[in-house]
PDB file of N, CA and C in Angstrom:
ATOM      1  N   UNK A   1      17.134  20.353  59.392  1.00  0.00           N
ATOM      2  CA  UNK A   1      16.840  19.052  59.894  1.00  0.00           C
ATOM      3  C   UNK A   1      16.954  18.050  58.745  1.00  0.00           C
ATOM      4  N   UNK A   2      17.552  16.908  58.986  1.00  0.00           N
ATOM      5  CA  UNK A   2      17.713  15.863  57.977  1.00  0.00           C
ATOM      6  C   UNK A   2      16.904  14.641  58.380  1.00  0.00           C
ATOM      7  N   UNK A   3      16.370  13.979  57.327  1.00  0.00           N
ATOM      8  CA  UNK A   3      15.600  12.764  57.576  1.00  0.00           C
ATOM      9  C   UNK A   3      16.246  11.624  56.813  1.00  0.00           C
ATOM     10  N   UNK A   4      16.191  10.453  57.354  1.00  0.00           N
ATOM     11  CA  UNK A   4      16.694   9.245  56.710  1.00  0.00           C
ATOM     12  C   UNK A   4      15.490   8.375  56.400  1.00  0.00           C
ATOM     13  N   UNK A   5      15.283   8.135  55.135  1.00  0.00           N
ATOM     14  CA  UNK A   5      14.144   7.322  54.716  1.00  0.00           C
ATOM     15  C   UNK A   5      14.676   5.984  54.241  1.00  0.00           C
ATOM     16  N   UNK A   6      14.106   4.927  54.726  1.00  0.00           N
ATOM     17  CA  UNK A   6      14.506   3.582  54.296  1.00  0.00           C
ATOM     18  C   UNK A   6      13.308   2.903  53.670  1.00  0.00           C
ATOM     19  N   UNK A   7      13.605   1.973  52.788  1.00  0.00           N
ATOM     20  CA  UNK A   7      12.554   1.276  52.083  1.00  0.00           C
ATOM     21  C   UNK A   7      12.906  -0.200  52.047  1.00  0.00           C
ATOM     22  N   UNK A   8      11.899  -1.043  52.156  1.00  0.00           N
ATOM     23  CA  UNK A   8      12.125  -2.479  52.045  1.00  0.00           C
ATOM     24  C   UNK A   8      11.453  -2.974  50.784  1.00  0.00           C
ATOM     25  N   UNK A   9      12.055  -3.944  50.155  1.00  0.00           N
ATOM     26  CA  UNK A   9      11.536  -4.520  48.926  1.00  0.00           C
ATOM     27  C   UNK A   9      11.415  -6.012  49.124  1.00  0.00           C
ATOM     28  N   UNK A  10      10.251  -6.570  48.772  1.00  0.00           N
ATOM     29  CA  UNK A  10      10.062  -8.012  48.843  1.00  0.00           C
ATOM     30  C   UNK A  10      10.606  -8.638  47.573  1.00  0.00           C
ATOM     31  N   UNK A  11      11.385  -9.667  47.710  1.00  0.00           N
ATOM     32  CA  UNK A  11      11.980 -10.360  46.574  1.00  0.00           C
ATOM     33  C   UNK A  11      11.432 -11.772  46.568  1.00  0.00           C
ATOM     34  N   UNK A  12      10.933 -12.183  45.402  1.00  0.00           N
ATOM     35  CA  UNK A  12      10.395 -13.531  45.273  1.00  0.00           C
ATOM     36  C   UNK A  12      11.445 -14.394  44.592  1.00  0.00           C
ATOM     37  N   UNK A  13      11.688 -15.530  45.162  1.00  0.00           N
ATOM     38  CA  UNK A  13      12.683 -16.421  44.566  1.00  0.00           C
ATOM     39  C   UNK A  13      12.019 -17.244  43.475  1.00  0.00           C
ATOM     40  N   UNK A  14      12.686 -17.333  42.341  1.00  0.00           N
ATOM     41  CA  UNK A  14      12.206 -18.148  41.237  1.00  0.00           C
ATOM     42  C   UNK A  14      12.951 -19.466  41.246  1.00  0.00           C
ATOM     43  N   UNK A  15      12.269 -20.546  40.911  1.00  0.00           N
ATOM     44  CA  UNK A  15      12.966 -21.832  40.902  1.00  0.00           C
ATOM     45  C   UNK A  15      14.055 -21.839  39.822  1.00  0.00           C
ATOM     46  N   UNK A  16      15.163 -22.397  40.143  1.00  0.00           N
ATOM     47  CA  UNK A  16      16.278 -22.490  39.214  1.00  0.00           C
ATOM     48  C   UNK A  16      16.260 -23.875  38.599  1.00  0.00           C
ATOM     49  N   UNK A  17      16.348 -23.918  37.282  1.00  0.00           N
ATOM     50  CA  UNK A  17      16.342 -25.194  36.582  1.00  0.00           C
ATOM     51  C   UNK A  17      17.695 -25.849  36.782  1.00  0.00           C
ATOM     52  N   UNK A  18      17.648 -27.057  37.172  1.00  0.00           N
ATOM     53  CA  UNK A  18      18.881 -27.797  37.438  1.00  0.00           C
ATOM     54  C   UNK A  18      19.582 -28.185  36.156  1.00  0.00           C
ATOM     55  N   UNK A  19      20.743 -28.777  36.272  1.00  0.00           N
ATOM     56  CA  UNK A  19      21.475 -29.198  35.078  1.00  0.00           C
ATOM     57  C   UNK A  19      20.701 -30.281  34.327  1.00  0.00           C
ATOM     58  N   UNK A  20      20.893 -30.324  33.071  1.00  0.00           N
ATOM     59  CA  UNK A  20      20.193 -31.318  32.256  1.00  0.00           C
ATOM     60  C   UNK A  20      20.081 -30.806  30.841  1.00  0.00           C
ATOM     61  N   UNK A  21      19.131 -31.350  30.133  1.00  0.00           N
ATOM     62  CA  UNK A  21      18.944 -30.927  28.758  1.00  0.00           C
ATOM     63  C   UNK A  21      18.387 -29.509  28.716  1.00  0.00           C
ATOM     64  N   UNK A  22      18.874 -28.718  27.762  1.00  0.00           N
ATOM     65  CA  UNK A  22      18.333 -27.369  27.652  1.00  0.00           C
ATOM     66  C   UNK A  22      16.898 -27.413  27.133  1.00  0.00           C
ATOM     67  N   UNK A  23      16.163 -26.405  27.446  1.00  0.00           N
ATOM     68  CA  UNK A  23      14.781 -26.319  27.045  1.00  0.00           C
ATOM     69  C   UNK A  23      14.686 -26.112  25.529  1.00  0.00           C
ATOM     70  N   UNK A  24      13.790 -26.852  24.897  1.00  0.00           N
ATOM     71  CA  UNK A  24      13.606 -26.700  23.451  1.00  0.00           C
ATOM     72  C   UNK A  24      12.784 -25.454  23.196  1.00  0.00           C
ATOM     73  N   UNK A  25      13.230 -24.682  22.216  1.00  0.00           N
ATOM     74  CA  UNK A  25      12.476 -23.494  21.843  1.00  0.00           C
ATOM     75  C   UNK A  25      11.889 -23.705  20.457  1.00  0.00           C
ATOM     76  N   UNK A  26      10.679 -23.302  20.327  1.00  0.00           N
ATOM     77  CA  UNK A  26       9.986 -23.423  19.045  1.00  0.00           C
ATOM     78  C   UNK A  26      10.046 -22.051  18.379  1.00  0.00           C
ATOM     79  N   UNK A  27      10.575 -21.981  17.153  1.00  0.00           N
ATOM     80  CA  UNK A  27      10.644 -20.671  16.494  1.00  0.00           C
ATOM     81  C   UNK A  27       9.242 -20.142  16.207  1.00  0.00           C
ATOM     82  N   UNK A  28       9.121 -18.841  16.315  1.00  0.00           N
ATOM     83  CA  UNK A  28       7.841 -18.193  16.019  1.00  0.00           C
ATOM     84  C   UNK A  28       7.578 -18.315  14.521  1.00  0.00           C
ATOM     85  N   UNK A  29       6.346 -18.656  14.139  1.00  0.00           N
ATOM     86  CA  UNK A  29       6.058 -18.709  12.702  1.00  0.00           C
ATOM     87  C   UNK A  29       6.084 -17.297  12.128  1.00  0.00           C
ATOM     88  N   UNK A  30       6.669 -17.182  10.946  1.00  0.00           N
ATOM     89  CA  UNK A  30       6.769 -15.881  10.297  1.00  0.00           C
ATOM     90  C   UNK A  30       5.418 -15.510   9.709  1.00  0.00           C
ATOM     91  N   UNK A  31       4.957 -14.331  10.063  1.00  0.00           N
ATOM     92  CA  UNK A  31       3.665 -13.869   9.573  1.00  0.00           C
ATOM     93  C   UNK A  31       3.900 -13.065   8.304  1.00  0.00           C
ATOM     94  N   UNK A  32       3.358 -13.561   7.217  1.00  0.00           N
ATOM     95  CA  UNK A  32       3.510 -12.893   5.923  1.00  0.00           C
ATOM     96  C   UNK A  32       2.134 -12.382   5.513  1.00  0.00           C
ATOM     97  N   UNK A  33       2.009 -11.055   5.342  1.00  0.00           N
ATOM     98  CA  UNK A  33       0.699 -10.544   4.945  1.00  0.00           C
ATOM     99  C   UNK A  33       0.357 -11.003   3.531  1.00  0.00           C
ATOM    100  N   UNK A  34      -0.925 -11.194   3.280  1.00  0.00           N
ATOM    101  CA  UNK A  34      -1.306 -11.628   1.927  1.00  0.00           C
ATOM    102  C   UNK A  34      -1.019 -10.521   0.921  1.00  0.00           C
ATOM    103  N   UNK A  35      -0.682 -10.898  -0.304  1.00  0.00           N
ATOM    104  CA  UNK A  35      -0.404  -9.870  -1.322  1.00  0.00           C
ATOM    105  C   UNK A  35      -1.685  -9.104  -1.653  1.00  0.00           C
ATOM    106  N   UNK A  36      -1.557  -7.850  -2.057  1.00  0.00           N
ATOM    107  CA  UNK A  36      -2.762  -7.090  -2.405  1.00  0.00           C
ATOM    108  C   UNK A  36      -3.418  -7.688  -3.644  1.00  0.00           C
ATOM    109  N   UNK A  37      -4.727  -7.554  -3.733  1.00  0.00           N
ATOM    110  CA  UNK A  37      -5.391  -8.125  -4.905  1.00  0.00           C
ATOM    111  C   UNK A  37      -4.933  -7.406  -6.168  1.00  0.00           C
ATOM    112  N   UNK A  38      -4.782  -8.141  -7.260  1.00  0.00           N
ATOM    113  CA  UNK A  38      -4.314  -7.517  -8.502  1.00  0.00           C
ATOM    114  C   UNK A  38      -5.374  -6.574  -9.064  1.00  0.00           C
ATOM    115  N   UNK A  39      -4.906  -5.525  -9.699  1.00  0.00           N
ATOM    116  CA  UNK A  39      -5.817  -4.588 -10.357  1.00  0.00           C
ATOM    117  C   UNK A  39      -6.258  -5.236 -11.660  1.00  0.00           C
ATOM    118  N   UNK A  40      -7.560  -5.364 -11.850  1.00  0.00           N
ATOM    119  CA  UNK A  40      -8.005  -6.021 -13.085  1.00  0.00           C
ATOM    120  C   UNK A  40      -7.612  -5.199 -14.310  1.00  0.00           C
ATOM    121  N   UNK A  41      -7.125  -5.901 -15.290  1.00  0.00           N
ATOM    122  CA  UNK A  41      -6.739  -5.238 -16.540  1.00  0.00           C
ATOM    123  C   UNK A  41      -8.002  -4.785 -17.259  1.00  0.00           C
ATOM    124  N   UNK A  42      -7.934  -3.639 -17.888  1.00  0.00           N
ATOM    125  CA  UNK A  42      -9.114  -3.178 -18.606  1.00  0.00           C
ATOM    126  C   UNK A  42      -9.456  -4.140 -19.744  1.00  0.00           C
ATOM    127  N   UNK A  43     -10.704  -4.509 -19.781  1.00  0.00           N
ATOM    128  CA  UNK A  43     -11.143  -5.441 -20.818  1.00  0.00           C
ATOM    129  C   UNK A  43     -11.246  -4.700 -22.148  1.00  0.00           C
ATOM    130  N   UNK A  44     -10.719  -5.309 -23.197  1.00  0.00           N
ATOM    131  CA  UNK A  44     -10.842  -4.654 -24.502  1.00  0.00           C
ATOM    132  C   UNK A  44     -12.295  -4.700 -24.953  1.00  0.00           C
ATOM    133  N   UNK A  45     -12.986  -3.639 -24.694  1.00  0.00           N
ATOM    134  CA  UNK A  45     -14.401  -3.591 -25.015  1.00  0.00           C
ATOM    135  C   UNK A  45     -14.741  -2.207 -25.545  1.00  0.00           C
ATOM    136  N   UNK A  46     -15.604  -2.149 -26.509  1.00  0.00           N
ATOM    137  CA  UNK A  46     -16.010  -0.858 -27.041  1.00  0.00           C
ATOM    138  C   UNK A  46     -17.004  -0.181 -26.100  1.00  0.00           C
ATOM    139  N   UNK A  47     -17.502  -0.909 -25.114  1.00  0.00           N
ATOM    140  CA  UNK A  47     -18.470  -0.358 -24.176  1.00  0.00           C
ATOM    141  C   UNK A  47     -17.812   0.456 -23.064  1.00  0.00           C
ATOM    142  N   UNK A  48     -16.552   0.226 -22.769  1.00  0.00           N
ATOM    143  CA  UNK A  48     -15.902   0.940 -21.672  1.00  0.00           C
ATOM    144  C   UNK A  48     -15.666   2.378 -22.101  1.00  0.00           C
ATOM    145  N   UNK A  49     -16.243   3.287 -21.346  1.00  0.00           N
ATOM    146  CA  UNK A  49     -16.153   4.694 -21.715  1.00  0.00           C
ATOM    147  C   UNK A  49     -15.170   5.453 -20.840  1.00  0.00           C
ATOM    148  N   UNK A  50     -14.770   4.863 -19.705  1.00  0.00           N
ATOM    149  CA  UNK A  50     -13.835   5.545 -18.815  1.00  0.00           C
ATOM    150  C   UNK A  50     -13.038   4.518 -18.025  1.00  0.00           C
ATOM    151  N   UNK A  51     -11.851   4.945 -17.603  1.00  0.00           N
ATOM    152  CA  UNK A  51     -10.974   4.101 -16.788  1.00  0.00           C
ATOM    153  C   UNK A  51     -10.814   4.724 -15.408  1.00  0.00           C
ATOM    154  N   UNK A  52     -10.643   3.880 -14.399  1.00  0.00           N
ATOM    155  CA  UNK A  52     -10.257   4.379 -13.081  1.00  0.00           C
ATOM    156  C   UNK A  52      -8.762   4.712 -13.144  1.00  0.00           C
ATOM    157  N   UNK A  53      -8.266   5.373 -12.127  1.00  0.00           N
ATOM    158  CA  UNK A  53      -6.849   5.748 -12.141  1.00  0.00           C
ATOM    159  C   UNK A  53      -5.954   4.498 -12.192  1.00  0.00           C
ATOM    160  N   UNK A  54      -6.206   3.453 -11.369  1.00  0.00           N
ATOM    161  CA  UNK A  54      -5.354   2.259 -11.486  1.00  0.00           C
ATOM    162  C   UNK A  54      -5.442   1.589 -12.860  1.00  0.00           C
ATOM    163  N   UNK A  55      -6.642   1.562 -13.455  1.00  0.00           N
ATOM    164  CA  UNK A  55      -6.794   0.960 -14.776  1.00  0.00           C
ATOM    165  C   UNK A  55      -6.065   1.779 -15.842  1.00  0.00           C
ATOM    166  N   UNK A  56      -6.144   3.105 -15.733  1.00  0.00           N
ATOM    167  CA  UNK A  56      -5.450   3.961 -16.698  1.00  0.00           C
ATOM    168  C   UNK A  56      -3.942   3.788 -16.572  1.00  0.00           C
ATOM    169  N   UNK A  57      -3.455   3.675 -15.339  1.00  0.00           N
ATOM    170  CA  UNK A  57      -2.018   3.469 -15.137  1.00  0.00           C
ATOM    171  C   UNK A  57      -1.578   2.160 -15.767  1.00  0.00           C
ATOM    172  N   UNK A  58      -2.378   1.130 -15.587  1.00  0.00           N
ATOM    173  CA  UNK A  58      -2.055  -0.179 -16.172  1.00  0.00           C
ATOM    174  C   UNK A  58      -2.098  -0.116 -17.694  1.00  0.00           C
ATOM    175  N   UNK A  59      -3.090   0.564 -18.239  1.00  0.00           N
ATOM    176  CA  UNK A  59      -3.220   0.663 -19.690  1.00  0.00           C
ATOM    177  C   UNK A  59      -2.068   1.455 -20.304  1.00  0.00           C
ATOM    178  N   UNK A  60      -1.610   2.503 -19.592  1.00  0.00           N
ATOM    179  CA  UNK A  60      -0.517   3.326 -20.111  1.00  0.00           C
ATOM    180  C   UNK A  60       0.861   2.755 -19.763  1.00  0.00           C
ATOM    181  N   UNK A  61       0.907   1.817 -18.830  1.00  0.00           N
ATOM    182  CA  UNK A  61       2.193   1.244 -18.425  1.00  0.00           C
ATOM    183  C   UNK A  61       2.995   2.174 -17.530  1.00  0.00           C
ATOM    184  N   UNK A  62       2.292   3.011 -16.763  1.00  0.00           N
ATOM    185  CA  UNK A  62       2.962   3.925 -15.834  1.00  0.00           C
ATOM    186  C   UNK A  62       2.366   3.742 -14.443  1.00  0.00           C
ATOM    187  N   UNK A  63       2.914   4.441 -13.472  1.00  0.00           N
ATOM    188  CA  UNK A  63       2.426   4.299 -12.099  1.00  0.00           C
ATOM    189  C   UNK A  63       1.175   5.149 -11.882  1.00  0.00           C
ATOM    190  N   UNK A  64       0.435   4.811 -10.809  1.00  0.00           N
ATOM    191  CA  UNK A  64      -0.741   5.599 -10.454  1.00  0.00           C
ATOM    192  C   UNK A  64      -0.334   7.030 -10.103  1.00  0.00           C
ATOM    193  N   UNK A  65       0.834   7.170  -9.465  1.00  0.00           N
ATOM    194  CA  UNK A  65       1.320   8.501  -9.107  1.00  0.00           C
ATOM    195  C   UNK A  65       1.532   9.346 -10.358  1.00  0.00           C
ATOM    196  N   UNK A  66       2.057   8.738 -11.419  1.00  0.00           N
ATOM    197  CA  UNK A  66       2.268   9.475 -12.671  1.00  0.00           C
ATOM    198  C   UNK A  66       0.939   9.881 -13.297  1.00  0.00           C
ATOM    199  N   UNK A  67      -0.066   9.020 -13.184  1.00  0.00           N
ATOM    200  CA  UNK A  67      -1.392   9.361 -13.721  1.00  0.00           C
ATOM    201  C   UNK A  67      -1.947  10.553 -12.953  1.00  0.00           C
ATOM    202  N   UNK A  68      -1.831  10.518 -11.616  1.00  0.00           N
ATOM    203  CA  UNK A  68      -2.315  11.643 -10.804  1.00  0.00           C
ATOM    204  C   UNK A  68      -1.575  12.931 -11.174  1.00  0.00           C
ATOM    205  N   UNK A  69      -0.278  12.823 -11.435  1.00  0.00           N
ATOM    206  CA  UNK A  69       0.509  13.996 -11.809  1.00  0.00           C
ATOM    207  C   UNK A  69       0.017  14.566 -13.139  1.00  0.00           C
ATOM    208  N   UNK A  70      -0.260  13.691 -14.110  1.00  0.00           N
ATOM    209  CA  UNK A  70      -0.779  14.140 -15.402  1.00  0.00           C
ATOM    210  C   UNK A  70      -2.130  14.834 -15.246  1.00  0.00           C
ATOM    211  N   UNK A  71      -2.963  14.297 -14.343  1.00  0.00           N
ATOM    212  CA  UNK A  71      -4.274  14.909 -14.097  1.00  0.00           C
ATOM    213  C   UNK A  71      -4.092  16.292 -13.472  1.00  0.00           C
ATOM    214  N   UNK A  72      -3.206  16.371 -12.472  1.00  0.00           N
ATOM    215  CA  UNK A  72      -2.983  17.634 -11.765  1.00  0.00           C
ATOM    216  C   UNK A  72      -2.429  18.705 -12.699  1.00  0.00           C
ATOM    217  N   UNK A  73      -1.539  18.317 -13.608  1.00  0.00           N
ATOM    218  CA  UNK A  73      -0.935  19.268 -14.542  1.00  0.00           C
ATOM    219  C   UNK A  73      -1.868  19.646 -15.687  1.00  0.00           C
ATOM    220  N   UNK A  74      -3.003  18.939 -15.799  1.00  0.00           N
ATOM    221  CA  UNK A  74      -3.959  19.249 -16.848  1.00  0.00           C
ATOM    222  C   UNK A  74      -3.691  18.541 -18.162  1.00  0.00           C
ATOM    223  N   UNK A  75      -2.708  17.650 -18.201  1.00  0.00           N
ATOM    224  CA  UNK A  75      -2.390  16.919 -19.428  1.00  0.00           C
ATOM    225  C   UNK A  75      -3.348  15.755 -19.678  1.00  0.00           C
ATOM    226  N   UNK A  76      -4.042  15.322 -18.639  1.00  0.00           N
ATOM    227  CA  UNK A  76      -4.963  14.199 -18.752  1.00  0.00           C
ATOM    228  C   UNK A  76      -6.279  14.605 -18.106  1.00  0.00           C
ATOM    229  N   UNK A  77      -7.321  14.846 -18.903  1.00  0.00           N
ATOM    230  CA  UNK A  77      -8.599  15.256 -18.319  1.00  0.00           C
ATOM    231  C   UNK A  77      -9.216  14.112 -17.520  1.00  0.00           C
ATOM    232  N   UNK A  78      -9.845  14.467 -16.406  1.00  0.00           N
ATOM    233  CA  UNK A  78     -10.482  13.479 -15.549  1.00  0.00           C
ATOM    234  C   UNK A  78     -11.815  14.030 -15.071  1.00  0.00           C
ATOM    235  N   UNK A  79     -12.704  13.113 -14.716  1.00  0.00           N
ATOM    236  CA  UNK A  79     -14.036  13.468 -14.243  1.00  0.00           C
ATOM    237  C   UNK A  79     -14.223  12.854 -12.869  1.00  0.00           C
ATOM    238  N   UNK A  80     -14.767  13.633 -11.934  1.00  0.00           N
ATOM    239  CA  UNK A  80     -15.075  13.105 -10.609  1.00  0.00           C
ATOM    240  C   UNK A  80     -16.511  12.601 -10.617  1.00  0.00           C
ATOM    241  N   UNK A  81     -16.714  11.396 -10.137  1.00  0.00           N
ATOM    242  CA  UNK A  81     -18.046  10.817 -10.002  1.00  0.00           C
ATOM    243  C   UNK A  81     -18.135  10.317  -8.565  1.00  0.00           C
ATOM    244  N   UNK A  82     -18.702  11.130  -7.699  1.00  0.00           N
ATOM    245  CA  UNK A  82     -18.683  10.810  -6.273  1.00  0.00           C
ATOM    246  C   UNK A  82     -17.253  10.927  -5.780  1.00  0.00           C
ATOM    247  N   UNK A  83     -16.743   9.861  -5.201  1.00  0.00           N
ATOM    248  CA  UNK A  83     -15.358   9.850  -4.724  1.00  0.00           C
ATOM    249  C   UNK A  83     -14.398   9.299  -5.765  1.00  0.00           C
ATOM    250  N   UNK A  84     -14.943   8.779  -6.855  1.00  0.00           N
ATOM    251  CA  UNK A  84     -14.090   8.169  -7.874  1.00  0.00           C
ATOM    252  C   UNK A  84     -13.625   9.199  -8.885  1.00  0.00           C
ATOM    253  N   UNK A  85     -12.433   8.974  -9.376  1.00  0.00           N
ATOM    254  CA  UNK A  85     -11.898   9.795 -10.463  1.00  0.00           C
ATOM    255  C   UNK A  85     -11.828   8.905 -11.691  1.00  0.00           C
ATOM    256  N   UNK A  86     -12.482   9.334 -12.745  1.00  0.00           N
ATOM    257  CA  UNK A  86     -12.522   8.545 -13.978  1.00  0.00           C
ATOM    258  C   UNK A  86     -11.880   9.327 -15.113  1.00  0.00           C
ATOM    259  N   UNK A  87     -11.180   8.590 -15.958  1.00  0.00           N
ATOM    260  CA  UNK A  87     -10.519   9.179 -17.114  1.00  0.00           C
ATOM    261  C   UNK A  87     -11.236   8.655 -18.355  1.00  0.00           C
ATOM    262  N   UNK A  88     -11.790   9.549 -19.172  1.00  0.00           N
ATOM    263  CA  UNK A  88     -12.469   9.097 -20.388  1.00  0.00           C
ATOM    264  C   UNK A  88     -11.509   8.338 -21.308  1.00  0.00           C
ATOM    265  N   UNK A  89     -12.030   7.325 -21.964  1.00  0.00           N
ATOM    266  CA  UNK A  89     -11.215   6.505 -22.849  1.00  0.00           C
ATOM    267  C   UNK A  89     -10.546   7.348 -23.932  1.00  0.00           C
ATOM    268  N   UNK A  90     -11.258   8.295 -24.469  1.00  0.00           N
ATOM    269  CA  UNK A  90     -10.710   9.152 -25.516  1.00  0.00           C
ATOM    270  C   UNK A  90      -9.553  10.012 -25.014  1.00  0.00           C
ATOM    271  N   UNK A  91      -9.563  10.355 -23.729  1.00  0.00           N
ATOM    272  CA  UNK A  91      -8.486  11.185 -23.169  1.00  0.00           C
ATOM    273  C   UNK A  91      -7.164  10.431 -23.180  1.00  0.00           C
ATOM    274  N   UNK A  92      -7.219   9.114 -22.964  1.00  0.00           N
ATOM    275  CA  UNK A  92      -5.982   8.318 -23.015  1.00  0.00           C
ATOM    276  C   UNK A  92      -5.415   8.310 -24.428  1.00  0.00           C
ATOM    277  N   UNK A  93      -6.297   8.143 -25.398  1.00  0.00           N
ATOM    278  CA  UNK A  93      -5.840   8.117 -26.793  1.00  0.00           C
ATOM    279  C   UNK A  93      -5.298   9.483 -27.201  1.00  0.00           C
ATOM    280  N   UNK A  94      -5.971  10.550 -26.769  1.00  0.00           N
ATOM    281  CA  UNK A  94      -5.510  11.912 -27.078  1.00  0.00           C
ATOM    282  C   UNK A  94      -4.136  12.159 -26.473  1.00  0.00           C
ATOM    283  N   UNK A  95      -3.945  11.701 -25.243  1.00  0.00           N
ATOM    284  CA  UNK A  95      -2.639  11.853 -24.589  1.00  0.00           C
ATOM    285  C   UNK A  95      -1.559  11.133 -25.371  1.00  0.00           C
ATOM    286  N   UNK A  96      -1.839   9.912 -25.782  1.00  0.00           N
ATOM    287  CA  UNK A  96      -0.849   9.139 -26.540  1.00  0.00           C
ATOM    288  C   UNK A  96      -0.587   9.763 -27.908  1.00  0.00           C
ATOM    289  N   UNK A  97      -1.623  10.268 -28.564  1.00  0.00           N
ATOM    290  CA  UNK A  97      -1.442  10.929 -29.870  1.00  0.00           C
ATOM    291  C   UNK A  97      -0.596  12.182 -29.722  1.00  0.00           C
ATOM    292  N   UNK A  98      -0.757  12.914 -28.611  1.00  0.00           N
ATOM    293  CA  UNK A  98       0.038  14.106 -28.375  1.00  0.00           C
ATOM    294  C   UNK A  98       1.484  13.790 -28.085  1.00  0.00           C
ATOM    295  N   UNK A  99       1.750  12.625 -27.546  1.00  0.00           N
ATOM    296  CA  UNK A  99       3.136  12.229 -27.248  1.00  0.00           C
ATOM    297  C   UNK A  99       3.882  11.774 -28.502  1.00  0.00           C
ATOM    298  N   UNK A 100       3.159  11.351 -29.519  1.00  0.00           N
ATOM    299  CA  UNK A 100       3.808  10.883 -30.749  1.00  0.00           C
ATOM    300  C   UNK A 100       4.584  12.009 -31.420  1.00  0.00           C
ATOM    301  N   UNK A 101       4.093  13.248 -31.313  1.00  0.00           N
ATOM    302  CA  UNK A 101       4.742  14.376 -31.960  1.00  0.00           C
ATOM    303  C   UNK A 101       6.002  14.846 -31.238  1.00  0.00           C
ATOM    304  N   UNK A 102       6.216  14.379 -30.036  1.00  0.00           N
ATOM    305  CA  UNK A 102       7.387  14.842 -29.261  1.00  0.00           C
ATOM    306  C   UNK A 102       8.644  14.112 -29.635  1.00  0.00           C
TER     307      UNK A 102
END
């Protein structure tokens, strides 16, 4: 047995704009996210005993990823304090002194 199914669709007519001046379009304003805040440079102070990873990267002139790699490989000792990873000031100097011989 075969069945024939039909369907009706309601169509709404939209008004058509007549001839004349074209509609003015206003360009969307470009959304530019604000730049990230700068990492403060380590202050030259004898009181600073450790650097954060971003501060150590800035002091050494390398990327944060490179600092993490040095920590992971054991070339740069680091201390965990809660969720923060700190690099003792002396460890940076030791690292640089070890690179002088290469």
